[in-house]
PDB file of N, CA and C in Angstrom:
ATOM      1  N   MET A   1       0.816  -1.152  -0.176  1.00  0.00           N
ATOM      2  CA  MET A   1      -0.049   0.033  -0.031  1.00  0.00           C
ATOM      3  C   MET A   1       0.699   1.137   0.018  1.00  0.00           C
ATOM      4  N   GLU A   2       0.527   2.084  -0.985  1.00  0.00           N
ATOM      5  CA  GLU A   2       1.414   3.579  -0.994  1.00  0.00           C
ATOM      6  C   GLU A   2       0.982   4.455  -0.375  1.00  0.00           C
ATOM      7  N   ARG A   3       1.862   5.057   0.620  1.00  0.00           N
ATOM      8  CA  ARG A   3       1.645   6.045   1.566  1.00  0.00           C
ATOM      9  C   ARG A   3       1.488   7.685   1.005  1.00  0.00           C
ATOM     10  N   LYS A   4       0.726   8.116   1.293  1.00  0.00           N
ATOM     11  CA  LYS A   4       0.456   9.289   0.836  1.00  0.00           C
ATOM     12  C   LYS A   4       0.987  10.743   1.626  1.00  0.00           C
ATOM     13  N   THR A   5       1.944  11.747   0.801  1.00  0.00           N
ATOM     14  CA  THR A   5       2.678  12.550   1.155  1.00  0.00           C
ATOM     15  C   THR A   5       1.613  13.621   2.010  1.00  0.00           C
ATOM     16  N   SER A   6       2.010  13.832   3.183  1.00  0.00           N
ATOM     17  CA  SER A   6       1.115  15.147   3.705  1.00  0.00           C
ATOM     18  C   SER A   6       1.276  16.373   2.738  1.00  0.00           C
ATOM     19  N   LYS A   7       0.243  17.410   2.763  1.00  0.00           N
ATOM     20  CA  LYS A   7       0.433  18.548   2.304  1.00  0.00           C
ATOM     21  C   LYS A   7       1.474  19.505   2.828  1.00  0.00           C
ATOM     22  N   GLN A   8       1.748  19.427   4.052  1.00  0.00           N
ATOM     23  CA  GLN A   8       2.884  20.072   4.635  1.00  0.00           C
ATOM     24  C   GLN A   8       3.904  19.559   4.253  1.00  0.00           C
ATOM     25  N   LYS A   9       4.355  18.074   4.348  1.00  0.00           N
ATOM     26  CA  LYS A   9       5.665  17.601   3.705  1.00  0.00           C
ATOM     27  C   LYS A   9       5.819  18.198   2.403  1.00  0.00           C
ATOM     28  N   VAL A  10       4.995  17.968   1.563  1.00  0.00           N
ATOM     29  CA  VAL A  10       4.912  18.432   0.177  1.00  0.00           C
ATOM     30  C   VAL A  10       5.521  20.094   0.099  1.00  0.00           C
ATOM     31  N   ALA A  11       4.887  20.915   0.520  1.00  0.00           N
ATOM     32  CA  ALA A  11       4.890  22.220   0.958  1.00  0.00           C
ATOM     33  C   ALA A  11       6.280  22.509   1.344  1.00  0.00           C
ATOM     34  N   LEU A  12       7.168  21.797   2.548  1.00  0.00           N
ATOM     35  CA  LEU A  12       8.498  21.778   2.767  1.00  0.00           C
ATOM     36  C   LEU A  12       9.098  21.536   1.907  1.00  0.00           C
ATOM     37  N   ASN A  13       9.301  20.113   1.010  1.00  0.00           N
ATOM     38  CA  ASN A  13      10.265  20.147  -0.054  1.00  0.00           C
ATOM     39  C   ASN A  13      10.220  21.131  -1.144  1.00  0.00           C
ATOM     40  N   TYR A  14       8.970  21.511  -1.425  1.00  0.00           N
ATOM     41  CA  TYR A  14       8.891  22.507  -2.422  1.00  0.00           C
ATOM     42  C   TYR A  14       9.740  23.713  -2.013  1.00  0.00           C
ATOM     43  N   PHE A  15       9.238  24.314  -0.948  1.00  0.00           N
ATOM     44  CA  PHE A  15       9.809  25.651  -0.459  1.00  0.00           C
ATOM     45  C   PHE A  15      11.528  25.380  -0.380  1.00  0.00           C
ATOM     46  N   ILE A  16      11.926  24.131   0.116  1.00  0.00           N
ATOM     47  CA  ILE A  16      13.849  23.867   0.369  1.00  0.00           C
ATOM     48  C   ILE A  16      14.185  24.177  -1.189  1.00  0.00           C
ATOM     49  N   LYS A  17      13.448  23.383  -2.369  1.00  0.00           N
ATOM     50  CA  LYS A  17      13.602  23.040  -3.504  1.00  0.00           C
ATOM     51  C   LYS A  17      13.949  24.585  -4.202  1.00  0.00           C
ATOM     52  N   HIS A  18      12.798  25.542  -4.066  1.00  0.00           N
ATOM     53  CA  HIS A  18      12.928  26.859  -4.646  1.00  0.00           C
ATOM     54  C   HIS A  18      13.227  27.792  -3.633  1.00  0.00           C
ATOM     55  N   GLN A  19      13.536  27.765  -2.559  1.00  0.00           N
ATOM     56  CA  GLN A  19      14.281  28.667  -1.883  1.00  0.00           C
ATOM     57  C   GLN A  19      14.823  29.723  -2.082  1.00  0.00           C
ATOM     58  N   LYS A  20      16.025  29.447  -3.014  1.00  0.00           N
ATOM     59  CA  LYS A  20      16.783  30.654  -3.405  1.00  0.00           C
ATOM     60  C   LYS A  20      16.061  31.316  -4.151  1.00  0.00           C
ATOM     61  N   GLU A  21      15.032  30.987  -5.236  1.00  0.00           N
ATOM     62  CA  GLU A  21      14.598  31.874  -5.873  1.00  0.00           C
ATOM     63  C   GLU A  21      13.465  32.452  -5.476  1.00  0.00           C
ATOM     64  N   LEU A  22      12.758  31.982  -4.555  1.00  0.00           N
ATOM     65  CA  LEU A  22      11.468  32.460  -3.763  1.00  0.00           C
ATOM     66  C   LEU A  22      12.303  33.502  -2.692  1.00  0.00           C
ATOM     67  N   CYS A  23      13.403  33.336  -2.421  1.00  0.00           N
ATOM     68  CA  CYS A  23      14.099  34.422  -1.447  1.00  0.00           C
ATOM     69  C   CYS A  23      14.464  35.902  -2.351  1.00  0.00           C
ATOM     70  N   LYS A  24      14.663  35.677  -3.815  1.00  0.00           N
ATOM     71  CA  LYS A  24      14.806  36.659  -4.426  1.00  0.00           C
ATOM     72  C   LYS A  24      13.391  37.416  -4.845  1.00  0.00           C
ATOM     73  N   ARG A  25      12.488  36.505  -4.598  1.00  0.00           N
ATOM     74  CA  ARG A  25      11.093  37.427  -5.145  1.00  0.00           C
ATOM     75  C   ARG A  25      10.217  37.731  -3.848  1.00  0.00           C
ATOM     76  N   PHE A  26      10.665  37.102  -2.598  1.00  0.00           N
ATOM     77  CA  PHE A  26       9.690  37.408  -1.364  1.00  0.00           C
ATOM     78  C   PHE A  26      10.381  37.581  -0.145  1.00  0.00           C
ATOM     79  N   PHE A  27      11.823  38.263  -0.419  1.00  0.00           N
ATOM     80  CA  PHE A  27      12.879  38.081   0.660  1.00  0.00           C
ATOM     81  C   PHE A  27      11.874  38.892   2.058  1.00  0.00           C
ATOM     82  N   GLY A  28      12.312  38.041   3.202  1.00  0.00           N
ATOM     83  CA  GLY A  28      11.616  38.447   4.470  1.00  0.00           C
ATOM     84  C   GLY A  28       9.967  38.436   4.467  1.00  0.00           C
ATOM     85  N   LYS A  29       9.425  37.931   3.590  1.00  0.00           N
ATOM     86  CA  LYS A  29       7.665  37.821   3.709  1.00  0.00           C
ATOM     87  C   LYS A  29       7.423  36.537   4.492  1.00  0.00           C
ATOM     88  N   GLU A  30       6.477  36.398   4.672  1.00  0.00           N
ATOM     89  CA  GLU A  30       5.613  34.973   5.261  1.00  0.00           C
ATOM     90  C   GLU A  30       5.018  34.457   4.177  1.00  0.00           C
ATOM     91  N   LEU A  31       5.425  33.277   3.783  1.00  0.00           N
ATOM     92  CA  LEU A  31       4.683  32.654   2.652  1.00  0.00           C
ATOM     93  C   LEU A  31       3.661  31.735   3.067  1.00  0.00           C
ATOM     94  N   LEU A  32       2.247  31.741   2.744  1.00  0.00           N
ATOM     95  CA  LEU A  32       1.501  30.719   2.959  1.00  0.00           C
ATOM     96  C   LEU A  32       1.205  29.887   1.805  1.00  0.00           C
ATOM     97  N   LEU A  33       1.637  28.475   1.875  1.00  0.00           N
ATOM     98  CA  LEU A  33       1.696  27.453   0.783  1.00  0.00           C
ATOM     99  C   LEU A  33       0.640  26.600   1.257  1.00  0.00           C
ATOM    100  N   SER A  34       0.242  25.894   0.049  1.00  0.00           N
ATOM    101  CA  SER A  34      -0.666  24.784   0.189  1.00  0.00           C
ATOM    102  C   SER A  34       0.024  23.885  -0.775  1.00  0.00           C
ATOM    103  N   GLY A  35       0.540  22.531  -0.326  1.00  0.00           N
ATOM    104  CA  GLY A  35       1.118  21.836  -1.320  1.00  0.00           C
ATOM    105  C   GLY A  35       2.497  22.607  -2.048  1.00  0.00           C
ATOM    106  N   ARG A  36       2.450  22.215  -3.218  1.00  0.00           N
ATOM    107  CA  ARG A  36       3.369  22.880  -4.134  1.00  0.00           C
ATOM    108  C   ARG A  36       3.026  24.322  -4.631  1.00  0.00           C
ATOM    109  N   LYS A  37       1.815  24.934  -3.880  1.00  0.00           N
ATOM    110  CA  LYS A  37       1.488  26.471  -4.530  1.00  0.00           C
ATOM    111  C   LYS A  37       1.485  27.220  -3.473  1.00  0.00           C
ATOM    112  N   ILE A  38       1.975  28.387  -4.071  1.00  0.00           N
ATOM    113  CA  ILE A  38       2.475  29.664  -2.957  1.00  0.00           C
ATOM    114  C   ILE A  38       0.884  30.380  -3.285  1.00  0.00           C
ATOM    115  N   ILE A  39       0.319  30.551  -1.838  1.00  0.00           N
ATOM    116  CA  ILE A  39      -0.796  31.368  -1.905  1.00  0.00           C
ATOM    117  C   ILE A  39      -0.747  32.743  -2.081  1.00  0.00           C
ATOM    118  N   ALA A  40      -0.084  32.807  -0.961  1.00  0.00           N
ATOM    119  CA  ALA A  40       0.138  34.212  -1.065  1.00  0.00           C
ATOM    120  C   ALA A  40       1.385  34.847  -0.009  1.00  0.00           C
ATOM    121  N   ALA A  41       1.802  36.006  -0.133  1.00  0.00           N
ATOM    122  CA  ALA A  41       2.899  36.490   0.595  1.00  0.00           C
ATOM    123  C   ALA A  41       2.783  37.763   1.754  1.00  0.00           C
ATOM    124  N   PHE A  42       3.114  37.376   2.817  1.00  0.00           N
ATOM    125  CA  PHE A  42       2.576  38.497   3.883  1.00  0.00           C
ATOM    126  C   PHE A  42       3.286  39.070   4.788  1.00  0.00           C
ATOM    127  N   ASP A  43       3.234  40.409   5.332  1.00  0.00           N
ATOM    128  CA  ASP A  43       4.227  40.924   6.030  1.00  0.00           C
ATOM    129  C   ASP A  43       4.306  40.363   7.472  1.00  0.00           C
ATOM    130  N   SER A  44       3.343  39.809   8.094  1.00  0.00           N
ATOM    131  CA  SER A  44       3.476  39.280   9.244  1.00  0.00           C
ATOM    132  C   SER A  44       3.303  37.857   9.373  1.00  0.00           C
ATOM    133  N   LEU A  45       3.583  37.050  10.415  1.00  0.00           N
ATOM    134  CA  LEU A  45       2.967  35.713  10.932  1.00  0.00           C
ATOM    135  C   LEU A  45       1.678  35.441  10.831  1.00  0.00           C
ATOM    136  N   GLY A  46       1.298  36.431  11.839  1.00  0.00           N
ATOM    137  CA  GLY A  46      -0.050  36.852  12.030  1.00  0.00           C
ATOM    138  C   GLY A  46      -1.158  36.849  10.996  1.00  0.00           C
ATOM    139  N   GLU A  47      -0.692  37.643   9.882  1.00  0.00           N
ATOM    140  CA  GLU A  47      -1.789  37.911   8.816  1.00  0.00           C
ATOM    141  C   GLU A  47      -1.797  36.355   7.827  1.00  0.00           C
ATOM    142  N   ALA A  48      -0.402  35.804   7.813  1.00  0.00           N
ATOM    143  CA  ALA A  48      -0.610  34.451   6.977  1.00  0.00           C
ATOM    144  C   ALA A  48      -1.012  33.538   7.540  1.00  0.00           C
ATOM    145  N   VAL A  49      -1.014  33.269   8.917  1.00  0.00           N
ATOM    146  CA  VAL A  49      -1.847  32.139   9.566  1.00  0.00           C
ATOM    147  C   VAL A  49      -3.231  32.848   9.338  1.00  0.00           C
ATOM    148  N   ASP A  50      -3.889  33.691   9.894  1.00  0.00           N
ATOM    149  CA  ASP A  50      -5.415  34.184   9.631  1.00  0.00           C
ATOM    150  C   ASP A  50      -5.677  33.632   8.239  1.00  0.00           C
ATOM    151  N   ALA A  51      -4.778  34.044   7.408  1.00  0.00           N
ATOM    152  CA  ALA A  51      -5.262  33.592   5.687  1.00  0.00           C
ATOM    153  C   ALA A  51      -5.656  32.177   5.858  1.00  0.00           C
ATOM    154  N   GLY A  52      -4.639  31.719   6.062  1.00  0.00           N
ATOM    155  CA  GLY A  52      -4.082  30.019   6.047  1.00  0.00           C
ATOM    156  C   GLY A  52      -5.742  29.502   6.588  1.00  0.00           C
ATOM    157  N   GLU A  53      -5.920  30.014   7.827  1.00  0.00           N
ATOM    158  CA  GLU A  53      -6.995  29.386   8.661  1.00  0.00           C
ATOM    159  C   GLU A  53      -8.592  29.656   8.026  1.00  0.00           C
ATOM    160  N   ARG A  54      -8.785  30.907   7.393  1.00  0.00           N
ATOM    161  CA  ARG A  54      -9.828  31.039   6.586  1.00  0.00           C
ATOM    162  C   ARG A  54     -10.013  30.050   5.558  1.00  0.00           C
ATOM    163  N   LYS A  55      -9.007  29.881   4.870  1.00  0.00           N
ATOM    164  CA  LYS A  55      -8.844  29.543   3.610  1.00  0.00           C
ATOM    165  C   LYS A  55      -8.863  28.073   3.393  1.00  0.00           C
ATOM    166  N   PHE A  56      -7.932  27.488   4.556  1.00  0.00           N
ATOM    167  CA  PHE A  56      -7.863  26.114   4.433  1.00  0.00           C
ATOM    168  C   PHE A  56      -7.952  25.139   5.666  1.00  0.00           C
ATOM    169  N   GLY A  57      -8.463  25.983   6.662  1.00  0.00           N
ATOM    170  CA  GLY A  57      -8.805  25.255   8.232  1.00  0.00           C
ATOM    171  C   GLY A  57      -7.527  24.697   9.073  1.00  0.00           C
ATOM    172  N   ASP A  58      -7.573  24.719  10.243  1.00  0.00           N
ATOM    173  CA  ASP A  58      -6.405  24.323  10.988  1.00  0.00           C
ATOM    174  C   ASP A  58      -5.483  23.291  10.536  1.00  0.00           C
ATOM    175  N   GLY A  59      -4.104  23.582  10.164  1.00  0.00           N
ATOM    176  CA  GLY A  59      -3.241  22.570   9.903  1.00  0.00           C
ATOM    177  C   GLY A  59      -3.167  22.287   8.561  1.00  0.00           C
ATOM    178  N   ASN A  60      -4.209  22.707   7.908  1.00  0.00           N
ATOM    179  CA  ASN A  60      -3.868  22.374   6.192  1.00  0.00           C
ATOM    180  C   ASN A  60      -3.387  23.226   5.353  1.00  0.00           C
ATOM    181  N   TYR A  61      -2.570  23.863   5.953  1.00  0.00           N
ATOM    182  CA  TYR A  61      -1.466  24.650   4.951  1.00  0.00           C
ATOM    183  C   TYR A  61      -0.102  24.914   5.903  1.00  0.00           C
ATOM    184  N   SER A  62       0.875  25.441   5.223  1.00  0.00           N
ATOM    185  CA  SER A  62       2.238  25.495   5.559  1.00  0.00           C
ATOM    186  C   SER A  62       2.406  27.334   5.303  1.00  0.00           C
ATOM    187  N   VAL A  63       3.395  27.834   6.363  1.00  0.00           N
ATOM    188  CA  VAL A  63       3.908  29.053   6.377  1.00  0.00           C
ATOM    189  C   VAL A  63       5.274  29.210   6.775  1.00  0.00           C
ATOM    190  N   TYR A  64       5.974  29.629   5.950  1.00  0.00           N
ATOM    191  CA  TYR A  64       7.559  29.950   5.763  1.00  0.00           C
ATOM    192  C   TYR A  64       7.861  31.338   5.813  1.00  0.00           C
ATOM    193  N   LYS A  65       8.910  31.369   6.602  1.00  0.00           N
ATOM    194  CA  LYS A  65       9.413  32.801   6.470  1.00  0.00           C
ATOM    195  C   LYS A  65      10.732  32.853   5.226  1.00  0.00           C
ATOM    196  N   CYS A  66      10.486  33.722   4.464  1.00  0.00           N
ATOM    197  CA  CYS A  66      11.308  33.371   3.367  1.00  0.00           C
ATOM    198  C   CYS A  66      12.785  34.069   3.598  1.00  0.00           C
ATOM    199  N   LEU A  67      13.420  33.249   3.939  1.00  0.00           N
ATOM    200  CA  LEU A  67      15.031  33.717   4.224  1.00  0.00           C
ATOM    201  C   LEU A  67      15.764  32.542   3.898  1.00  0.00           C
ATOM    202  N   PRO A  68      16.870  32.748   3.625  1.00  0.00           N
ATOM    203  CA  PRO A  68      17.729  31.844   3.015  1.00  0.00           C
ATOM    204  C   PRO A  68      18.247  31.001   4.422  1.00  0.00           C
ATOM    205  N   GLY A  69      18.729  29.660   4.083  1.00  0.00           N
ATOM    206  CA  GLY A  69      19.157  28.977   4.963  1.00  0.00           C
ATOM    207  C   GLY A  69      17.973  27.851   5.799  1.00  0.00           C
ATOM    208  N   GLU A  70      18.668  27.006   6.692  1.00  0.00           N
ATOM    209  CA  GLU A  70      17.937  26.321   7.049  1.00  0.00           C
ATOM    210  C   GLU A  70      17.026  26.888   8.442  1.00  0.00           C
ATOM    211  N   SER A  71      17.490  28.020   8.674  1.00  0.00           N
ATOM    212  CA  SER A  71      16.655  28.697   9.953  1.00  0.00           C
ATOM    213  C   SER A  71      15.214  28.816   9.383  1.00  0.00           C
ATOM    214  N   ALA A  72      15.117  29.270   8.017  1.00  0.00           N
ATOM    215  CA  ALA A  72      13.788  29.394   7.467  1.00  0.00           C
ATOM    216  C   ALA A  72      12.692  28.332   7.594  1.00  0.00           C
ATOM    217  N   TYR A  73      13.214  27.182   8.001  1.00  0.00           N
ATOM    218  CA  TYR A  73      12.237  25.724   7.944  1.00  0.00           C
ATOM    219  C   TYR A  73      12.475  24.931   8.920  1.00  0.00           C
ATOM    220  N   SER A  74      13.422  25.232   9.882  1.00  0.00           N
ATOM    221  CA  SER A  74      14.020  24.030  10.784  1.00  0.00           C
ATOM    222  C   SER A  74      13.320  24.110  11.768  1.00  0.00           C
ATOM    223  N   ILE A  75      12.357  24.954  12.348  1.00  0.00           N
ATOM    224  CA  ILE A  75      11.436  25.033  13.701  1.00  0.00           C
ATOM    225  C   ILE A  75      10.115  25.315  12.841  1.00  0.00           C
ATOM    226  N   ASN A  76       9.256  24.067  13.254  1.00  0.00           N
ATOM    227  CA  ASN A  76       7.749  23.958  12.647  1.00  0.00           C
ATOM    228  C   ASN A  76       6.897  23.852  14.103  1.00  0.00           C
ATOM    229  N   ILE A  77       5.939  24.876  14.043  1.00  0.00           N
ATOM    230  CA  ILE A  77       4.854  25.102  14.794  1.00  0.00           C
ATOM    231  C   ILE A  77       3.771  24.583  14.276  1.00  0.00           C
ATOM    232  N   PRO A  78       3.067  23.773  14.680  1.00  0.00           N
ATOM    233  CA  PRO A  78       1.632  23.400  13.995  1.00  0.00           C
ATOM    234  C   PRO A  78       0.865  24.786  14.107  1.00  0.00           C
ATOM    235  N   CYS A  79      -0.109  25.081  13.052  1.00  0.00           N
ATOM    236  CA  CYS A  79      -0.540  26.109  12.953  1.00  0.00           C
ATOM    237  C   CYS A  79      -1.508  26.213  13.884  1.00  0.00           C
ATOM    238  N   SER A  80      -2.121  25.139  14.474  1.00  0.00           N
ATOM    239  CA  SER A  80      -3.493  25.431  15.318  1.00  0.00           C
ATOM    240  C   SER A  80      -2.774  26.284  16.761  1.00  0.00           C
ATOM    241  N   MET A  81      -1.363  26.122  16.740  1.00  0.00           N
ATOM    242  CA  MET A  81      -0.701  26.537  17.530  1.00  0.00           C
ATOM    243  C   MET A  81      -0.211  27.797  17.800  1.00  0.00           C
ATOM    244  N   ALA A  82      -0.284  28.401  16.330  1.00  0.00           N
ATOM    245  CA  ALA A  82       0.358  29.759  16.166  1.00  0.00           C
ATOM    246  C   ALA A  82      -0.078  30.923  16.911  1.00  0.00           C
ATOM    247  N   ILE A  83       0.725  31.806  17.150  1.00  0.00           N
ATOM    248  CA  ILE A  83       0.445  32.901  18.003  1.00  0.00           C
ATOM    249  C   ILE A  83      -0.143  33.989  17.157  1.00  0.00           C
ATOM    250  N   LYS A  84      -1.348  34.627  17.530  1.00  0.00           N
ATOM    251  CA  LYS A  84      -2.030  35.545  16.584  1.00  0.00           C
ATOM    252  C   LYS A  84      -1.878  37.216  16.904  1.00  0.00           C
TER     253      LYS A  84
END
């Protein structure tokens, strides 16, 4: 039986693979992703989380700070626990 990859894992892999070009375009922004799709870029984490919850519901999206290096994705906070 084949295991389905979560949207969060797909989003993380997409972010890592495209991080360099994303940083050129969205440096310092909070990126809202769903799978391999960038939904929007925001100035604050709170704005990105609010938009993600409205559009996808708790835990069904990912948010990454668009910065170079591992620090942009090495800490993962479940969206339902994010501070607004």
